[in-house]
Amino acid sequence: MDNIFKRTSAHWVRYDKYEWKESTDGVLYLTPAKEAVMSLYNPIKEYEELVLTALGIGLDVMQKKLLWKN
C-alpha cells in the first residue's frame, strides 16, 4: 500500500500507564496514572498497524456477539 499520509504530521501524547477513575456520579474515566511517563508518537507512521489492530478487535467483538446469540 502506498503511503497515503506521507505529507501528514500529527504528534500525539501517550502514557505508559493508565488507570480508571470514577467520578462522583459514577462515570468511569481512563486517565494517565500518577507515575505514568509521557511520550510523543506519530500515529500516522503506524496507521497500518493501528487499522489492522482495530479490525482485529472488531472481528473479535463480532465473533463474541455471534457466540452469545447461539
C-alpha atoms as a PDB file:
ATOM      1  CA  MET A   1       0.000   0.000   0.000  1.00  0.00           C
ATOM      2  CA  ASP A   2       1.397   3.394  -0.972  1.00  0.00           C
ATOM      3  CA  ASN A   3       1.898   5.767   1.956  1.00  0.00           C
ATOM      4  CA  ILE A   4      -1.209   7.938   1.659  1.00  0.00           C
ATOM      5  CA  PHE A   5      -0.114  10.070   4.634  1.00  0.00           C
ATOM      6  CA  LYS A   6       3.451  10.855   3.505  1.00  0.00           C
ATOM      7  CA  ARG A   7       2.950  14.628   3.857  1.00  0.00           C
ATOM      8  CA  THR A   8       0.949  14.489   7.061  1.00  0.00           C
ATOM      9  CA  SER A   9       2.299  15.182  10.518  1.00  0.00           C
ATOM     10  CA  ALA A  10       0.397  14.515  13.729  1.00  0.00           C
ATOM     11  CA  HIS A  11       2.166  14.002  17.029  1.00  0.00           C
ATOM     12  CA  TRP A  12       0.065  12.641  19.861  1.00  0.00           C
ATOM     13  CA  VAL A  13       0.767  12.137  23.532  1.00  0.00           C
ATOM     14  CA  ARG A  14       0.611   8.705  25.111  1.00  0.00           C
ATOM     15  CA  TYR A  15       1.480   7.346  28.521  1.00  0.00           C
ATOM     16  CA  ASP A  16       2.973   4.063  29.642  1.00  0.00           C
ATOM     17  CA  LYS A  17       0.408   3.506  32.437  1.00  0.00           C
ATOM     18  CA  TYR A  18      -3.294   4.292  32.769  1.00  0.00           C
ATOM     19  CA  GLU A  19      -5.896   3.881  35.492  1.00  0.00           C
ATOM     20  CA  TRP A  20      -9.680   4.072  35.779  1.00  0.00           C
ATOM     21  CA  LYS A  21     -11.117   6.867  37.914  1.00  0.00           C
ATOM     22  CA  GLU A  22     -14.764   7.114  38.893  1.00  0.00           C
ATOM     23  CA  SER A  23     -16.492  10.486  39.184  1.00  0.00           C
ATOM     24  CA  THR A  24     -18.955  11.280  41.944  1.00  0.00           C
ATOM     25  CA  ASP A  25     -21.837  10.470  39.592  1.00  0.00           C
ATOM     26  CA  GLY A  26     -20.425   7.035  38.732  1.00  0.00           C
ATOM     27  CA  VAL A  27     -18.885   7.789  35.326  1.00  0.00           C
ATOM     28  CA  LEU A  28     -15.602   5.968  34.676  1.00  0.00           C
ATOM     29  CA  TYR A  29     -12.715   7.842  33.065  1.00  0.00           C
ATOM     30  CA  LEU A  30      -9.463   6.374  31.790  1.00  0.00           C
ATOM     31  CA  THR A  31      -6.647   8.687  32.876  1.00  0.00           C
ATOM     32  CA  PRO A  32      -2.854   8.549  32.982  1.00  0.00           C
ATOM     33  CA  ALA A  33      -1.574   7.093  36.253  1.00  0.00           C
ATOM     34  CA  LYS A  34       0.269   9.493  38.565  1.00  0.00           C
ATOM     35  CA  GLU A  35       3.595   7.728  37.920  1.00  0.00           C
ATOM     36  CA  ALA A  36       3.000   7.450  34.157  1.00  0.00           C
ATOM     37  CA  VAL A  37       5.671   8.598  31.740  1.00  0.00           C
ATOM     38  CA  MET A  38       4.510  10.684  28.783  1.00  0.00           C
ATOM     39  CA  SER A  39       5.900  10.227  25.277  1.00  0.00           C
ATOM     40  CA  LEU A  40       5.125  11.658  21.857  1.00  0.00           C
ATOM     41  CA  TYR A  41       4.387   9.474  18.874  1.00  0.00           C
ATOM     42  CA  ASN A  42       3.095   9.907  15.361  1.00  0.00           C
ATOM     43  CA  PRO A  43       0.086   7.625  14.793  1.00  0.00           C
ATOM     44  CA  ILE A  44       0.215   8.374  11.068  1.00  0.00           C
ATOM     45  CA  LYS A  45       3.521   6.482  10.832  1.00  0.00           C
ATOM     46  CA  GLU A  46       1.839   3.499  12.484  1.00  0.00           C
ATOM     47  CA  TYR A  47      -1.507   3.727  10.663  1.00  0.00           C
ATOM     48  CA  GLU A  48      -1.341   0.288   9.041  1.00  0.00           C
ATOM     49  CA  GLU A  49      -0.755  -1.433  12.381  1.00  0.00           C
ATOM     50  CA  LEU A  50      -3.479   0.664  14.049  1.00  0.00           C
ATOM     51  CA  VAL A  51      -6.016  -0.170  11.333  1.00  0.00           C
ATOM     52  CA  LEU A  52      -5.207  -3.879  11.486  1.00  0.00           C
ATOM     53  CA  THR A  53      -5.484  -3.862  15.284  1.00  0.00           C
ATOM     54  CA  ALA A  54      -8.851  -2.060  15.121  1.00  0.00           C
ATOM     55  CA  LEU A  55     -10.136  -4.533  12.534  1.00  0.00           C
ATOM     56  CA  GLY A  56      -8.986  -7.444  14.690  1.00  0.00           C
ATOM     57  CA  ILE A  57     -10.785  -6.037  17.723  1.00  0.00           C
ATOM     58  CA  GLY A  58     -13.941  -5.534  15.650  1.00  0.00           C
ATOM     59  CA  LEU A  59     -13.809  -9.108  14.382  1.00  0.00           C
ATOM     60  CA  ASP A  60     -13.300 -10.426  17.922  1.00  0.00           C
ATOM     61  CA  VAL A  61     -16.296  -8.436  19.175  1.00  0.00           C
ATOM     62  CA  MET A  62     -18.491  -9.610  16.298  1.00  0.00           C
ATOM     63  CA  GLN A  63     -17.446 -13.224  16.892  1.00  0.00           C
ATOM     64  CA  LYS A  64     -18.360 -12.954  20.577  1.00  0.00           C
ATOM     65  CA  LYS A  65     -21.752 -11.460  19.685  1.00  0.00           C
ATOM     66  CA  LEU A  66     -22.401 -14.359  17.321  1.00  0.00           C
ATOM     67  CA  LEU A  67     -21.420 -16.865  20.020  1.00  0.00           C
ATOM     68  CA  TRP A  68     -23.716 -15.177  22.562  1.00  0.00           C
ATOM     69  CA  LYS A  69     -26.709 -15.474  20.214  1.00  0.00           C
ATOM     70  CA  ASN A  70     -26.356 -19.269  19.947  1.00  0.00           C
END
